[in-house]
Amino acid sequence: YGRDMILVETVGVGQSELEISTICDTVVLVLMPESGDAVQSIKAGILEIADVFVINKADLGGAEKTRRLIQDAIGLGPKQAWRPPIVMASAAKEEGIAGVWDAVLA
C-alpha cells in the first residue's frame, strides 16, 4: 500500500484499549457474535475510540444482531456526518477481508 504498517493487538477489554488510540492512526475493534464482546465494549467505552468495527465470524449465528447492536450504540453519540464503518468478515472463510482493508485505508 505504499507505506509501512504496524499492527498492534491488545488483549481483552480494559485500559490498554483506551490508551492505544493515542499511538495509532486507526483503531480497529474486532468483535465476535454471541461472545458478549459488543456489550463489554459498550460498557468499557471502547466504541468511542474505534475507527472501524469488524464483526469476525460473520458466517455464524448472531452476527447480524451484533451489527445492529453496534450500529445502534454508535448512533447514540453526538450527531455527526461520519460514523465508523461496520464490516462483516469471516477470516476462516476468507470473506470480507478486502472490505476490512478498504475501511482501514480509507
PDB file of N, CA and C in Angstrom:
ATOM      1  N   TYR A   1       0.799  -1.196   0.000  1.00  0.00           N
ATOM      2  CA  TYR A   1       0.000   0.000   0.000  1.00  0.00           C
ATOM      3  C   TYR A   1       0.847   1.267   0.000  1.00  0.00           C
ATOM      4  N   GLY A   2       2.140   1.119  -0.202  1.00  0.00           N
ATOM      5  CA  GLY A   2       2.991   2.285  -0.310  1.00  0.00           C
ATOM      6  C   GLY A   2       3.419   2.900   1.001  1.00  0.00           C
ATOM      7  N   ARG A   3       3.166   2.226   2.099  1.00  0.00           N
ATOM      8  CA  ARG A   3       3.590   2.748   3.399  1.00  0.00           C
ATOM      9  C   ARG A   3       3.758   1.582   4.368  1.00  0.00           C
ATOM     10  N   ASP A   4       4.574   1.816   5.379  1.00  0.00           N
ATOM     11  CA  ASP A   4       4.764   0.794   6.403  1.00  0.00           C
ATOM     12  C   ASP A   4       3.558   0.770   7.324  1.00  0.00           C
ATOM     13  N   MET A   5       3.182  -0.435   7.720  1.00  0.00           N
ATOM     14  CA  MET A   5       2.088  -0.586   8.673  1.00  0.00           C
ATOM     15  C   MET A   5       2.580  -1.400   9.853  1.00  0.00           C
ATOM     16  N   ILE A   6       2.180  -0.985  11.014  1.00  0.00           N
ATOM     17  CA  ILE A   6       2.458  -1.734  12.233  1.00  0.00           C
ATOM     18  C   ILE A   6       1.112  -2.060  12.853  1.00  0.00           C
ATOM     19  N   LEU A   7       0.866  -3.338  13.070  1.00  0.00           N
ATOM     20  CA  LEU A   7      -0.374  -3.764  13.701  1.00  0.00           C
ATOM     21  C   LEU A   7      -0.105  -4.029  15.174  1.00  0.00           C
ATOM     22  N   VAL A   8      -0.920  -3.446  16.023  1.00  0.00           N
ATOM     23  CA  VAL A   8      -0.791  -3.616  17.467  1.00  0.00           C
ATOM     24  C   VAL A   8      -2.065  -4.289  17.958  1.00  0.00           C
ATOM     25  N   GLU A   9      -1.911  -5.415  18.637  1.00  0.00           N
ATOM     26  CA  GLU A   9      -3.079  -6.113  19.174  1.00  0.00           C
ATOM     27  C   GLU A   9      -3.085  -6.002  20.690  1.00  0.00           C
ATOM     28  N   THR A  10      -4.218  -5.601  21.213  1.00  0.00           N
ATOM     29  CA  THR A  10      -4.382  -5.593  22.664  1.00  0.00           C
ATOM     30  C   THR A  10      -5.240  -6.799  23.028  1.00  0.00           C
ATOM     31  N   VAL A  11      -5.157  -7.219  24.252  1.00  0.00           N
ATOM     32  CA  VAL A  11      -5.888  -8.408  24.684  1.00  0.00           C
ATOM     33  C   VAL A  11      -6.953  -7.997  25.689  1.00  0.00           C
ATOM     34  N   GLY A  12      -8.185  -8.419  25.439  1.00  0.00           N
ATOM     35  CA  GLY A  12      -9.253  -8.132  26.387  1.00  0.00           C
ATOM     36  C   GLY A  12      -9.788  -6.726  26.240  1.00  0.00           C
ATOM     37  N   VAL A  13     -10.659  -6.381  27.150  1.00  0.00           N
ATOM     38  CA  VAL A  13     -11.259  -5.051  27.168  1.00  0.00           C
ATOM     39  C   VAL A  13     -10.837  -4.383  28.461  1.00  0.00           C
ATOM     40  N   GLY A  14     -10.086  -3.302  28.333  1.00  0.00           N
ATOM     41  CA  GLY A  14      -9.608  -2.622  29.529  1.00  0.00           C
ATOM     42  C   GLY A  14      -8.900  -1.338  29.187  1.00  0.00           C
ATOM     43  N   GLN A  15      -8.059  -0.901  30.079  1.00  0.00           N
ATOM     44  CA  GLN A  15      -7.371   0.377  29.932  1.00  0.00           C
ATOM     45  C   GLN A  15      -6.483   0.425  28.695  1.00  0.00           C
ATOM     46  N   SER A  16      -5.844  -0.705  28.345  1.00  0.00           N
ATOM     47  CA  SER A  16      -4.921  -0.695  27.202  1.00  0.00           C
ATOM     48  C   SER A  16      -5.637  -0.351  25.903  1.00  0.00           C
ATOM     49  N   GLU A  17      -6.901  -0.745  25.769  1.00  0.00           N
ATOM     50  CA  GLU A  17      -7.643  -0.411  24.562  1.00  0.00           C
ATOM     51  C   GLU A  17      -7.884   1.087  24.456  1.00  0.00           C
ATOM     52  N   LEU A  18      -8.164   1.719  25.569  1.00  0.00           N
ATOM     53  CA  LEU A  18      -8.387   3.164  25.542  1.00  0.00           C
ATOM     54  C   LEU A  18      -7.093   3.912  25.266  1.00  0.00           C
ATOM     55  N   GLU A  19      -5.994   3.439  25.807  1.00  0.00           N
ATOM     56  CA  GLU A  19      -4.702   4.095  25.618  1.00  0.00           C
ATOM     57  C   GLU A  19      -4.152   3.903  24.211  1.00  0.00           C
ATOM     58  N   ILE A  20      -4.531   2.828  23.545  1.00  0.00           N
ATOM     59  CA  ILE A  20      -3.980   2.527  22.223  1.00  0.00           C
ATOM     60  C   ILE A  20      -4.317   3.632  21.221  1.00  0.00           C
ATOM     61  N   SER A  21      -5.427   4.308  21.423  1.00  0.00           N
ATOM     62  CA  SER A  21      -5.831   5.350  20.477  1.00  0.00           C
ATOM     63  C   SER A  21      -4.853   6.515  20.442  1.00  0.00           C
ATOM     64  N   THR A  22      -4.027   6.658  21.468  1.00  0.00           N
ATOM     65  CA  THR A  22      -3.069   7.764  21.489  1.00  0.00           C
ATOM     66  C   THR A  22      -1.841   7.489  20.635  1.00  0.00           C
ATOM     67  N   ILE A  23      -1.611   6.230  20.256  1.00  0.00           N
ATOM     68  CA  ILE A  23      -0.421   5.906  19.458  1.00  0.00           C
ATOM     69  C   ILE A  23      -0.755   5.363  18.077  1.00  0.00           C
ATOM     70  N   CYS A  24      -2.031   5.225  17.757  1.00  0.00           N
ATOM     71  CA  CYS A  24      -2.433   4.628  16.482  1.00  0.00           C
ATOM     72  C   CYS A  24      -3.121   5.648  15.583  1.00  0.00           C
ATOM     73  N   ASP A  25      -2.953   5.444  14.293  1.00  0.00           N
ATOM     74  CA  ASP A  25      -3.684   6.250  13.320  1.00  0.00           C
ATOM     75  C   ASP A  25      -5.110   5.739  13.154  1.00  0.00           C
ATOM     76  N   THR A  26      -5.271   4.416  13.213  1.00  0.00           N
ATOM     77  CA  THR A  26      -6.572   3.792  13.018  1.00  0.00           C
ATOM     78  C   THR A  26      -6.771   2.705  14.058  1.00  0.00           C
ATOM     79  N   VAL A  27      -7.885   2.754  14.762  1.00  0.00           N
ATOM     80  CA  VAL A  27      -8.217   1.726  15.750  1.00  0.00           C
ATOM     81  C   VAL A  27      -9.314   0.845  15.159  1.00  0.00           C
ATOM     82  N   VAL A  28      -9.019  -0.446  15.055  1.00  0.00           N
ATOM     83  CA  VAL A  28      -9.967  -1.427  14.541  1.00  0.00           C
ATOM     84  C   VAL A  28     -10.435  -2.281  15.713  1.00  0.00           C
ATOM     85  N   LEU A  29     -11.719  -2.301  15.947  1.00  0.00           N
ATOM     86  CA  LEU A  29     -12.287  -3.121  17.014  1.00  0.00           C
ATOM     87  C   LEU A  29     -12.905  -4.358  16.376  1.00  0.00           C
ATOM     88  N   VAL A  30     -12.345  -5.522  16.688  1.00  0.00           N
ATOM     89  CA  VAL A  30     -12.826  -6.786  16.134  1.00  0.00           C
ATOM     90  C   VAL A  30     -13.695  -7.470  17.187  1.00  0.00           C
ATOM     91  N   LEU A  31     -14.911  -7.776  16.792  1.00  0.00           N
ATOM     92  CA  LEU A  31     -15.878  -8.411  17.682  1.00  0.00           C
ATOM     93  C   LEU A  31     -16.332  -9.738  17.091  1.00  0.00           C
ATOM     94  N   MET A  32     -16.782 -10.633  17.945  1.00  0.00           N
ATOM     95  CA  MET A  32     -17.347 -11.903  17.501  1.00  0.00           C
ATOM     96  C   MET A  32     -18.797 -11.975  17.954  1.00  0.00           C
ATOM     97  N   PRO A  33     -19.669 -12.509  17.104  1.00  0.00           N
ATOM     98  CA  PRO A  33     -21.072 -12.624  17.501  1.00  0.00           C
ATOM     99  C   PRO A  33     -21.242 -13.591  18.668  1.00  0.00           C
ATOM    100  N   GLU A  34     -22.251 -13.310  19.482  1.00  0.00           N
ATOM    101  CA  GLU A  34     -22.635 -14.191  20.587  1.00  0.00           C
ATOM    102  C   GLU A  34     -21.546 -14.387  21.639  1.00  0.00           C
ATOM    103  N   SER A  35     -20.540 -13.516  21.663  1.00  0.00           N
ATOM    104  CA  SER A  35     -19.454 -13.677  22.637  1.00  0.00           C
ATOM    105  C   SER A  35     -19.571 -12.697  23.803  1.00  0.00           C
ATOM    106  N   GLY A  36     -20.465 -11.732  23.680  1.00  0.00           N
ATOM    107  CA  GLY A  36     -20.573 -10.709  24.710  1.00  0.00           C
ATOM    108  C   GLY A  36     -19.592  -9.570  24.503  1.00  0.00           C
ATOM    109  N   ASP A  37     -18.740  -9.654  23.453  1.00  0.00           N
ATOM    110  CA  ASP A  37     -17.751  -8.610  23.177  1.00  0.00           C
ATOM    111  C   ASP A  37     -18.402  -7.250  22.965  1.00  0.00           C
ATOM    112  N   ALA A  38     -19.500  -7.224  22.228  1.00  0.00           N
ATOM    113  CA  ALA A  38     -20.141  -5.944  21.915  1.00  0.00           C
ATOM    114  C   ALA A  38     -20.633  -5.263  23.187  1.00  0.00           C
ATOM    115  N   VAL A  39     -21.265  -6.024  24.052  1.00  0.00           N
ATOM    116  CA  VAL A  39     -21.775  -5.457  25.304  1.00  0.00           C
ATOM    117  C   VAL A  39     -20.622  -4.988  26.179  1.00  0.00           C
ATOM    118  N   GLN A  40     -19.559  -5.794  26.276  1.00  0.00           N
ATOM    119  CA  GLN A  40     -18.392  -5.407  27.070  1.00  0.00           C
ATOM    120  C   GLN A  40     -17.759  -4.130  26.516  1.00  0.00           C
ATOM    121  N   SER A  41     -17.705  -4.003  25.198  1.00  0.00           N
ATOM    122  CA  SER A  41     -17.122  -2.818  24.572  1.00  0.00           C
ATOM    123  C   SER A  41     -17.938  -1.573  24.873  1.00  0.00           C
ATOM    124  N   ILE A  42     -19.247  -1.727  24.864  1.00  0.00           N
ATOM    125  CA  ILE A  42     -20.118  -0.596  25.188  1.00  0.00           C
ATOM    126  C   ILE A  42     -19.882  -0.167  26.629  1.00  0.00           C
ATOM    127  N   LYS A  43     -19.813  -1.130  27.532  1.00  0.00           N
ATOM    128  CA  LYS A  43     -19.606  -0.827  28.947  1.00  0.00           C
ATOM    129  C   LYS A  43     -18.248  -0.185  29.198  1.00  0.00           C
ATOM    130  N   ALA A  44     -17.234  -0.606  28.462  1.00  0.00           N
ATOM    131  CA  ALA A  44     -15.874  -0.121  28.707  1.00  0.00           C
ATOM    132  C   ALA A  44     -15.569   1.188  27.995  1.00  0.00           C
ATOM    133  N   GLY A  45     -16.476   1.674  27.157  1.00  0.00           N
ATOM    134  CA  GLY A  45     -16.239   2.925  26.453  1.00  0.00           C
ATOM    135  C   GLY A  45     -15.355   2.785  25.227  1.00  0.00           C
ATOM    136  N   ILE A  46     -15.167   1.559  24.753  1.00  0.00           N
ATOM    137  CA  ILE A  46     -14.290   1.311  23.608  1.00  0.00           C
ATOM    138  C   ILE A  46     -14.900   1.834  22.309  1.00  0.00           C
ATOM    139  N   LEU A  47     -16.218   1.854  22.227  1.00  0.00           N
ATOM    140  CA  LEU A  47     -16.867   2.277  20.984  1.00  0.00           C
ATOM    141  C   LEU A  47     -16.453   3.675  20.562  1.00  0.00           C
ATOM    142  N   GLU A  48     -16.163   4.526  21.524  1.00  0.00           N
ATOM    143  CA  GLU A  48     -15.833   5.911  21.218  1.00  0.00           C
ATOM    144  C   GLU A  48     -14.490   6.068  20.530  1.00  0.00           C
ATOM    145  N   ILE A  49     -13.599   5.084  20.646  1.00  0.00           N
ATOM    146  CA  ILE A  49     -12.273   5.232  20.039  1.00  0.00           C
ATOM    147  C   ILE A  49     -12.109   4.438  18.755  1.00  0.00           C
ATOM    148  N   ALA A  50     -13.066   3.577  18.429  1.00  0.00           N
ATOM    149  CA  ALA A  50     -12.937   2.732  17.237  1.00  0.00           C
ATOM    150  C   ALA A  50     -13.162   3.549  15.968  1.00  0.00           C
ATOM    151  N   ASP A  51     -12.259   3.349  15.000  1.00  0.00           N
ATOM    152  CA  ASP A  51     -12.402   3.962  13.680  1.00  0.00           C
ATOM    153  C   ASP A  51     -13.070   3.004  12.702  1.00  0.00           C
ATOM    154  N   VAL A  52     -12.938   1.711  12.974  1.00  0.00           N
ATOM    155  CA  VAL A  52     -13.523   0.660  12.148  1.00  0.00           C
ATOM    156  C   VAL A  52     -13.987  -0.452  13.085  1.00  0.00           C
ATOM    157  N   PHE A  53     -15.181  -0.944  12.852  1.00  0.00           N
ATOM    158  CA  PHE A  53     -15.673  -2.120  13.568  1.00  0.00           C
ATOM    159  C   PHE A  53     -15.651  -3.297  12.608  1.00  0.00           C
ATOM    160  N   VAL A  54     -15.118  -4.425  13.064  1.00  0.00           N
ATOM    161  CA  VAL A  54     -15.134  -5.647  12.272  1.00  0.00           C
ATOM    162  C   VAL A  54     -15.860  -6.709  13.085  1.00  0.00           C
ATOM    163  N   ILE A  55     -16.873  -7.288  12.489  1.00  0.00           N
ATOM    164  CA  ILE A  55     -17.534  -8.426  13.113  1.00  0.00           C
ATOM    165  C   ILE A  55     -16.994  -9.656  12.410  1.00  0.00           C
ATOM    166  N   ASN A  56     -16.060 -10.334  13.075  1.00  0.00           N
ATOM    167  CA  ASN A  56     -15.458 -11.547  12.537  1.00  0.00           C
ATOM    168  C   ASN A  56     -16.387 -12.722  12.833  1.00  0.00           C
ATOM    169  N   LYS A  57     -16.193 -13.788  12.094  1.00  0.00           N
ATOM    170  CA  LYS A  57     -17.062 -14.970  12.200  1.00  0.00           C
ATOM    171  C   LYS A  57     -18.496 -14.590  11.850  1.00  0.00           C
ATOM    172  N   ALA A  58     -18.609 -13.714  10.855  1.00  0.00           N
ATOM    173  CA  ALA A  58     -19.919 -13.214  10.442  1.00  0.00           C
ATOM    174  C   ALA A  58     -20.777 -14.301   9.812  1.00  0.00           C
ATOM    175  N   ASP A  59     -20.167 -15.443   9.516  1.00  0.00           N
ATOM    176  CA  ASP A  59     -20.916 -16.563   8.960  1.00  0.00           C
ATOM    177  C   ASP A  59     -21.670 -17.333  10.048  1.00  0.00           C
ATOM    178  N   LEU A  60     -21.408 -17.020  11.307  1.00  0.00           N
ATOM    179  CA  LEU A  60     -22.070 -17.694  12.416  1.00  0.00           C
ATOM    180  C   LEU A  60     -23.337 -16.957  12.831  1.00  0.00           C
ATOM    181  N   GLY A  61     -24.180 -17.636  13.540  1.00  0.00           N
ATOM    182  CA  GLY A  61     -25.408 -17.035  14.045  1.00  0.00           C
ATOM    183  C   GLY A  61     -25.102 -15.874  14.978  1.00  0.00           C
ATOM    184  N   GLY A  62     -25.946 -14.888  14.946  1.00  0.00           N
ATOM    185  CA  GLY A  62     -25.806 -13.748  15.840  1.00  0.00           C
ATOM    186  C   GLY A  62     -25.013 -12.593  15.271  1.00  0.00           C
ATOM    187  N   ALA A  63     -24.432 -12.752  14.090  1.00  0.00           N
ATOM    188  CA  ALA A  63     -23.604 -11.688  13.512  1.00  0.00           C
ATOM    189  C   ALA A  63     -24.437 -10.446  13.198  1.00  0.00           C
ATOM    190  N   GLU A  64     -25.600 -10.648  12.625  1.00  0.00           N
ATOM    191  CA  GLU A  64     -26.454  -9.506  12.272  1.00  0.00           C
ATOM    192  C   GLU A  64     -26.954  -8.798  13.535  1.00  0.00           C
ATOM    193  N   LYS A  65     -27.256  -9.558  14.564  1.00  0.00           N
ATOM    194  CA  LYS A  65     -27.676  -8.976  15.844  1.00  0.00           C
ATOM    195  C   LYS A  65     -26.551  -8.125  16.431  1.00  0.00           C
ATOM    196  N   THR A  66     -25.322  -8.615  16.349  1.00  0.00           N
ATOM    197  CA  THR A  66     -24.167  -7.863  16.843  1.00  0.00           C
ATOM    198  C   THR A  66     -23.982  -6.585  16.038  1.00  0.00           C
ATOM    199  N   ARG A  67     -24.145  -6.666  14.715  1.00  0.00           N
ATOM    200  CA  ARG A  67     -24.018  -5.482  13.859  1.00  0.00           C
ATOM    201  C   ARG A  67     -25.049  -4.425  14.248  1.00  0.00           C
ATOM    202  N   ARG A  68     -26.282  -4.858  14.455  1.00  0.00           N
ATOM    203  CA  ARG A  68     -27.342  -3.909  14.840  1.00  0.00           C
ATOM    204  C   ARG A  68     -27.061  -3.284  16.203  1.00  0.00           C
ATOM    205  N   LEU A  69     -26.552  -4.077  17.141  1.00  0.00           N
ATOM    206  CA  LEU A  69     -26.226  -3.563  18.469  1.00  0.00           C
ATOM    207  C   LEU A  69     -25.169  -2.467  18.381  1.00  0.00           C
ATOM    208  N   ILE A  70     -24.119  -2.718  17.595  1.00  0.00           N
ATOM    209  CA  ILE A  70     -23.055  -1.723  17.418  1.00  0.00           C
ATOM    210  C   ILE A  70     -23.598  -0.497  16.691  1.00  0.00           C
ATOM    211  N   GLN A  71     -24.367  -0.727  15.632  1.00  0.00           N
ATOM    212  CA  GLN A  71     -24.932   0.390  14.871  1.00  0.00           C
ATOM    213  C   GLN A  71     -25.816   1.262  15.757  1.00  0.00           C
ATOM    214  N   ASP A  72     -26.632   0.643  16.570  1.00  0.00           N
ATOM    215  CA  ASP A  72     -27.490   1.405  17.478  1.00  0.00           C
ATOM    216  C   ASP A  72     -26.664   2.164  18.512  1.00  0.00           C
ATOM    217  N   ALA A  73     -25.630   1.518  19.045  1.00  0.00           N
ATOM    218  CA  ALA A  73     -24.800   2.150  20.081  1.00  0.00           C
ATOM    219  C   ALA A  73     -24.043   3.357  19.537  1.00  0.00           C
ATOM    220  N   ILE A  74     -23.462   3.241  18.340  1.00  0.00           N
ATOM    221  CA  ILE A  74     -22.720   4.388  17.808  1.00  0.00           C
ATOM    222  C   ILE A  74     -23.669   5.487  17.344  1.00  0.00           C
ATOM    223  N   GLY A  75     -24.920   5.137  17.099  1.00  0.00           N
ATOM    224  CA  GLY A  75     -25.913   6.134  16.728  1.00  0.00           C
ATOM    225  C   GLY A  75     -26.389   6.975  17.897  1.00  0.00           C
ATOM    226  N   LEU A  76     -26.071   6.544  19.120  1.00  0.00           N
ATOM    227  CA  LEU A  76     -26.486   7.287  20.305  1.00  0.00           C
ATOM    228  C   LEU A  76     -25.591   8.479  20.605  1.00  0.00           C
ATOM    229  N   GLY A  77     -24.407   8.509  20.003  1.00  0.00           N
ATOM    230  CA  GLY A  77     -23.459   9.588  20.265  1.00  0.00           C
ATOM    231  C   GLY A  77     -23.893  10.885  19.615  1.00  0.00           C
ATOM    232  N   PRO A  78     -23.025  11.896  19.690  1.00  0.00           N
ATOM    233  CA  PRO A  78     -23.341  13.188  19.070  1.00  0.00           C
ATOM    234  C   PRO A  78     -23.624  13.021  17.578  1.00  0.00           C
ATOM    235  N   LYS A  79     -24.578  13.763  17.094  1.00  0.00           N
ATOM    236  CA  LYS A  79     -24.908  13.689  15.667  1.00  0.00           C
ATOM    237  C   LYS A  79     -23.761  14.290  14.867  1.00  0.00           C
ATOM    238  N   GLN A  80     -23.231  13.479  14.003  1.00  0.00           N
ATOM    239  CA  GLN A  80     -22.124  13.918  13.158  1.00  0.00           C
ATOM    240  C   GLN A  80     -22.284  13.262  11.797  1.00  0.00           C
ATOM    241  N   ALA A  81     -21.637  13.804  10.803  1.00  0.00           N
ATOM    242  CA  ALA A  81     -21.773  13.276   9.455  1.00  0.00           C
ATOM    243  C   ALA A  81     -21.099  11.913   9.310  1.00  0.00           C
ATOM    244  N   TRP A  82     -19.991  11.706  10.020  1.00  0.00           N
ATOM    245  CA  TRP A  82     -19.224  10.475   9.854  1.00  0.00           C
ATOM    246  C   TRP A  82     -19.505   9.498  10.982  1.00  0.00           C
ATOM    247  N   ARG A  83     -19.692   8.250  10.631  1.00  0.00           N
ATOM    248  CA  ARG A  83     -19.822   7.155  11.595  1.00  0.00           C
ATOM    249  C   ARG A  83     -18.816   6.078  11.196  1.00  0.00           C
ATOM    250  N   PRO A  84     -18.212   5.419  12.159  1.00  0.00           N
ATOM    251  CA  PRO A  84     -17.263   4.355  11.820  1.00  0.00           C
ATOM    252  C   PRO A  84     -17.968   3.247  11.039  1.00  0.00           C
ATOM    253  N   PRO A  85     -17.305   2.724  10.013  1.00  0.00           N
ATOM    254  CA  PRO A  85     -17.916   1.621   9.266  1.00  0.00           C
ATOM    255  C   PRO A  85     -17.950   0.344  10.098  1.00  0.00           C
ATOM    256  N   ILE A  86     -18.936  -0.482   9.816  1.00  0.00           N
ATOM    257  CA  ILE A  86     -19.047  -1.803  10.427  1.00  0.00           C
ATOM    258  C   ILE A  86     -18.888  -2.808   9.292  1.00  0.00           C
ATOM    259  N   VAL A  87     -17.837  -3.613   9.361  1.00  0.00           N
ATOM    260  CA  VAL A  87     -17.517  -4.559   8.295  1.00  0.00           C
ATOM    261  C   VAL A  87     -17.763  -5.973   8.795  1.00  0.00           C
ATOM    262  N   MET A  88     -18.496  -6.738   8.015  1.00  0.00           N
ATOM    263  CA  MET A  88     -18.735  -8.143   8.329  1.00  0.00           C
ATOM    264  C   MET A  88     -17.661  -8.971   7.630  1.00  0.00           C
ATOM    265  N   ALA A  89     -17.066  -9.918   8.354  1.00  0.00           N
ATOM    266  CA  ALA A  89     -15.992 -10.725   7.779  1.00  0.00           C
ATOM    267  C   ALA A  89     -15.977 -12.116   8.400  1.00  0.00           C
ATOM    268  N   SER A  90     -15.334 -13.014   7.687  1.00  0.00           N
ATOM    269  CA  SER A  90     -15.061 -14.353   8.209  1.00  0.00           C
ATOM    270  C   SER A  90     -13.637 -14.690   7.807  1.00  0.00           C
ATOM    271  N   ALA A  91     -12.720 -14.560   8.740  1.00  0.00           N
ATOM    272  CA  ALA A  91     -11.313 -14.830   8.436  1.00  0.00           C
ATOM    273  C   ALA A  91     -11.118 -16.279   8.011  1.00  0.00           C
ATOM    274  N   ALA A  92     -11.791 -17.204   8.667  1.00  0.00           N
ATOM    275  CA  ALA A  92     -11.639 -18.629   8.351  1.00  0.00           C
ATOM    276  C   ALA A  92     -12.088 -18.935   6.929  1.00  0.00           C
ATOM    277  N   LYS A  93     -13.124 -18.252   6.462  1.00  0.00           N
ATOM    278  CA  LYS A  93     -13.631 -18.470   5.103  1.00  0.00           C
ATOM    279  C   LYS A  93     -13.052 -17.472   4.104  1.00  0.00           C
ATOM    280  N   GLU A  94     -12.167 -16.595   4.599  1.00  0.00           N
ATOM    281  CA  GLU A  94     -11.541 -15.568   3.764  1.00  0.00           C
ATOM    282  C   GLU A  94     -12.580 -14.691   3.068  1.00  0.00           C
ATOM    283  N   GLU A  95     -13.618 -14.326   3.796  1.00  0.00           N
ATOM    284  CA  GLU A  95     -14.671 -13.466   3.269  1.00  0.00           C
ATOM    285  C   GLU A  95     -14.651 -12.124   3.997  1.00  0.00           C
ATOM    286  N   GLY A  96     -14.782 -11.055   3.246  1.00  0.00           N
ATOM    287  CA  GLY A  96     -14.853  -9.728   3.838  1.00  0.00           C
ATOM    288  C   GLY A  96     -13.510  -9.099   4.169  1.00  0.00           C
ATOM    289  N   ILE A  97     -12.419  -9.801   3.896  1.00  0.00           N
ATOM    290  CA  ILE A  97     -11.088  -9.295   4.246  1.00  0.00           C
ATOM    291  C   ILE A  97     -10.758  -8.032   3.446  1.00  0.00           C
ATOM    292  N   ALA A  98     -11.088  -8.026   2.171  1.00  0.00           N
ATOM    293  CA  ALA A  98     -10.832  -6.835   1.347  1.00  0.00           C
ATOM    294  C   ALA A  98     -11.607  -5.636   1.893  1.00  0.00           C
ATOM    295  N   GLY A  99     -12.818  -5.877   2.365  1.00  0.00           N
ATOM    296  CA  GLY A  99     -13.612  -4.805   2.953  1.00  0.00           C
ATOM    297  C   GLY A  99     -12.989  -4.236   4.215  1.00  0.00           C
ATOM    298  N   VAL A 100     -12.353  -5.113   4.996  1.00  0.00           N
ATOM    299  CA  VAL A 100     -11.652  -4.651   6.202  1.00  0.00           C
ATOM    300  C   VAL A 100     -10.511  -3.727   5.805  1.00  0.00           C
ATOM    301  N   TRP A 101      -9.678  -4.160   4.846  1.00  0.00           N
ATOM    302  CA  TRP A 101      -8.551  -3.330   4.405  1.00  0.00           C
ATOM    303  C   TRP A 101      -9.036  -2.019   3.796  1.00  0.00           C
ATOM    304  N   ASP A 102     -10.101  -2.074   3.010  1.00  0.00           N
ATOM    305  CA  ASP A 102     -10.648  -0.840   2.428  1.00  0.00           C
ATOM    306  C   ASP A 102     -11.049   0.147   3.520  1.00  0.00           C
ATOM    307  N   ALA A 103     -11.687  -0.352   4.573  1.00  0.00           N
ATOM    308  CA  ALA A 103     -12.114   0.515   5.673  1.00  0.00           C
ATOM    309  C   ALA A 103     -10.923   1.073   6.439  1.00  0.00           C
ATOM    310  N   VAL A 104      -9.903   0.255   6.643  1.00  0.00           N
ATOM    311  CA  VAL A 104      -8.709   0.700   7.374  1.00  0.00           C
ATOM    312  C   VAL A 104      -7.960   1.770   6.592  1.00  0.00           C
ATOM    313  N   LEU A 105      -7.865   1.593   5.295  1.00  0.00           N
ATOM    314  CA  LEU A 105      -7.074   2.504   4.465  1.00  0.00           C
ATOM    315  C   LEU A 105      -7.846   3.739   4.011  1.00  0.00           C
ATOM    316  N   ALA A 106      -9.140   3.778   4.270  1.00  0.00           N
ATOM    317  CA  ALA A 106      -9.959   4.918   3.820  1.00  0.00           C
ATOM    318  C   ALA A 106      -9.604   6.180   4.576  1.00  0.00           C
TER     319      ALA A 106
END
